[in-house]
Amino acid sequence: MIVDVLKKYVEKKIGVNIHGTGHIYEVQLIVAANDHFTVVTEDGENTYHIPYSHIAYIVENPNGVREGTFLFRIKTELPVFIRLSPQLQYTAY
């Protein structure tokens, strides 16, 4: 289960593409609950509670995640990267 993977990284820095696919944000994982995980941004300003249903996949590498190819290559020293699925947002006019 996803929660079992994430529990290993509670109180550690991980990477999450919070605001779109092109950038990894370094965040601290503070909760790995049964239905969601919670992270705090580096500056401590925002806390995100993200349901597991929003995860596309998780990449683990103790030496730092290396993921993707060519222009979208991700290189980080972080041991975990969580890629969130794109979410549709509707705005009423």
C-alpha atoms as a PDB file:
ATOM      1  CA  MET A   1       0.000   0.000   0.000  1.00  0.00           C
ATOM      2  CA  ILE A   2       1.065   3.584  -0.606  1.00  0.00           C
ATOM      3  CA  VAL A   3       0.888   4.437   3.080  1.00  0.00           C
ATOM      4  CA  ASP A   4       3.502   1.753   3.848  1.00  0.00           C
ATOM      5  CA  VAL A   5       5.910   3.281   1.326  1.00  0.00           C
ATOM      6  CA  LEU A   6       5.431   6.817   2.635  1.00  0.00           C
ATOM      7  CA  LYS A   7       5.651   5.967   6.356  1.00  0.00           C
ATOM      8  CA  LYS A   8       9.389   5.346   5.858  1.00  0.00           C
ATOM      9  CA  TYR A   9       9.826   9.020   4.912  1.00  0.00           C
ATOM     10  CA  VAL A  10       7.743  10.824   7.584  1.00  0.00           C
ATOM     11  CA  GLU A  11       9.695  13.822   8.952  1.00  0.00           C
ATOM     12  CA  LYS A  12      12.016  13.705   5.912  1.00  0.00           C
ATOM     13  CA  LYS A  13      12.355  15.830   2.793  1.00  0.00           C
ATOM     14  CA  ILE A  14      10.696  14.461  -0.331  1.00  0.00           C
ATOM     15  CA  GLY A  15       9.798  15.859  -3.751  1.00  0.00           C
ATOM     16  CA  VAL A  16       6.264  16.494  -5.025  1.00  0.00           C
ATOM     17  CA  ASN A  17       5.085  18.258  -8.188  1.00  0.00           C
ATOM     18  CA  ILE A  18       2.502  20.304  -6.281  1.00  0.00           C
ATOM     19  CA  HIS A  19       1.855  23.001  -8.909  1.00  0.00           C
ATOM     20  CA  GLY A  20       2.110  21.147 -12.195  1.00  0.00           C
ATOM     21  CA  THR A  21       4.254  18.585 -13.899  1.00  0.00           C
ATOM     22  CA  GLY A  22       7.371  20.613 -14.656  1.00  0.00           C
ATOM     23  CA  HIS A  23       8.808  21.353 -11.222  1.00  0.00           C
ATOM     24  CA  ILE A  24       9.588  19.322  -8.126  1.00  0.00           C
ATOM     25  CA  TYR A  25       8.991  21.105  -4.858  1.00  0.00           C
ATOM     26  CA  GLU A  26      11.097  20.036  -1.909  1.00  0.00           C
ATOM     27  CA  VAL A  27       8.698  19.502   0.981  1.00  0.00           C
ATOM     28  CA  GLN A  28       8.701  17.787   4.345  1.00  0.00           C
ATOM     29  CA  LEU A  29       6.382  14.823   4.716  1.00  0.00           C
ATOM     30  CA  ILE A  30       4.666  15.184   8.081  1.00  0.00           C
ATOM     31  CA  VAL A  31       1.759  12.701   7.870  1.00  0.00           C
ATOM     32  CA  ALA A  32       1.182   9.418   6.047  1.00  0.00           C
ATOM     33  CA  ALA A  33      -2.425   8.599   6.951  1.00  0.00           C
ATOM     34  CA  ASN A  34      -4.605   5.813   5.552  1.00  0.00           C
ATOM     35  CA  ASP A  35      -6.279   8.011   2.918  1.00  0.00           C
ATOM     36  CA  HIS A  36      -3.942  10.999   2.404  1.00  0.00           C
ATOM     37  CA  PHE A  37      -0.477  12.402   3.047  1.00  0.00           C
ATOM     38  CA  THR A  38       0.451  15.835   4.364  1.00  0.00           C
ATOM     39  CA  VAL A  39       3.465  17.924   3.392  1.00  0.00           C
ATOM     40  CA  VAL A  40       4.779  21.340   4.407  1.00  0.00           C
ATOM     41  CA  THR A  41       6.620  23.597   1.962  1.00  0.00           C
ATOM     42  CA  GLU A  42      10.261  24.559   2.585  1.00  0.00           C
ATOM     43  CA  ASP A  43       9.314  28.065   3.678  1.00  0.00           C
ATOM     44  CA  GLY A  44       6.697  26.681   6.079  1.00  0.00           C
ATOM     45  CA  GLU A  45       3.985  28.853   4.558  1.00  0.00           C
ATOM     46  CA  ASN A  46       1.719  26.188   3.115  1.00  0.00           C
ATOM     47  CA  THR A  47       0.569  22.781   4.272  1.00  0.00           C
ATOM     48  CA  TYR A  48      -0.881  20.417   1.651  1.00  0.00           C
ATOM     49  CA  HIS A  49      -3.169  17.497   2.495  1.00  0.00           C
ATOM     50  CA  ILE A  50      -3.187  15.325  -0.621  1.00  0.00           C
ATOM     51  CA  PRO A  51      -5.414  12.266  -1.099  1.00  0.00           C
ATOM     52  CA  TYR A  52      -3.670   9.148  -2.379  1.00  0.00           C
ATOM     53  CA  SER A  53      -6.117   9.095  -5.302  1.00  0.00           C
ATOM     54  CA  HIS A  54      -4.160  12.069  -6.751  1.00  0.00           C
ATOM     55  CA  ILE A  55      -0.896  10.114  -7.013  1.00  0.00           C
ATOM     56  CA  ALA A  56       0.123   8.953 -10.487  1.00  0.00           C
ATOM     57  CA  TYR A  57       3.217   7.160  -9.157  1.00  0.00           C
ATOM     58  CA  ILE A  58       6.056   7.243  -6.621  1.00  0.00           C
ATOM     59  CA  VAL A  59       9.761   6.910  -7.452  1.00  0.00           C
ATOM     60  CA  GLU A  60      12.263   5.829  -4.775  1.00  0.00           C
ATOM     61  CA  ASN A  61      16.049   5.976  -4.995  1.00  0.00           C
ATOM     62  CA  PRO A  62      18.229   6.250  -1.862  1.00  0.00           C
ATOM     63  CA  ASN A  63      20.916   7.967  -3.976  1.00  0.00           C
ATOM     64  CA  GLY A  64      18.492  10.620  -5.265  1.00  0.00           C
ATOM     65  CA  VAL A  65      15.719  10.268  -7.799  1.00  0.00           C
ATOM     66  CA  ARG A  66      16.644  10.356 -11.498  1.00  0.00           C
ATOM     67  CA  GLU A  67      13.467  10.211 -13.540  1.00  0.00           C
ATOM     68  CA  GLY A  68      12.268  11.046 -17.053  1.00  0.00           C
ATOM     69  CA  THR A  69      14.148  11.708 -20.273  1.00  0.00           C
ATOM     70  CA  PHE A  70      15.669  14.596 -22.218  1.00  0.00           C
ATOM     71  CA  LEU A  71      13.853  17.903 -21.568  1.00  0.00           C
ATOM     72  CA  PHE A  72      11.782  16.552 -18.704  1.00  0.00           C
ATOM     73  CA  ARG A  73      14.668  14.873 -16.889  1.00  0.00           C
ATOM     74  CA  ILE A  74      14.418  15.193 -13.125  1.00  0.00           C
ATOM     75  CA  LYS A  75      17.577  14.991 -11.032  1.00  0.00           C
ATOM     76  CA  THR A  76      17.373  15.418  -7.300  1.00  0.00           C
ATOM     77  CA  GLU A  77      19.140  14.348  -4.132  1.00  0.00           C
ATOM     78  CA  LEU A  78      15.766  13.562  -2.573  1.00  0.00           C
ATOM     79  CA  PRO A  79      15.112   9.840  -1.965  1.00  0.00           C
ATOM     80  CA  VAL A  80      11.443   9.983  -3.031  1.00  0.00           C
ATOM     81  CA  PHE A  81       9.509  11.781  -5.730  1.00  0.00           C
ATOM     82  CA  ILE A  82       5.714  11.717  -5.866  1.00  0.00           C
ATOM     83  CA  ARG A  83       4.199  12.613  -9.212  1.00  0.00           C
ATOM     84  CA  LEU A  84       0.632  13.834  -8.850  1.00  0.00           C
ATOM     85  CA  SER A  85      -1.881  13.244 -11.616  1.00  0.00           C
ATOM     86  CA  PRO A  86      -3.057  16.360 -13.448  1.00  0.00           C
ATOM     87  CA  GLN A  87      -6.216  17.681 -11.854  1.00  0.00           C
ATOM     88  CA  LEU A  88      -8.965  19.440 -13.758  1.00  0.00           C
ATOM     89  CA  GLN A  89     -10.293  22.637 -12.314  1.00  0.00           C
ATOM     90  CA  TYR A  90     -13.595  24.159 -13.358  1.00  0.00           C
ATOM     91  CA  THR A  91     -14.423  27.810 -12.914  1.00  0.00           C
ATOM     92  CA  ALA A  92     -17.970  29.160 -13.008  1.00  0.00           C
ATOM     93  CA  TYR A  93     -18.375  32.458 -14.826  1.00  0.00           C
END
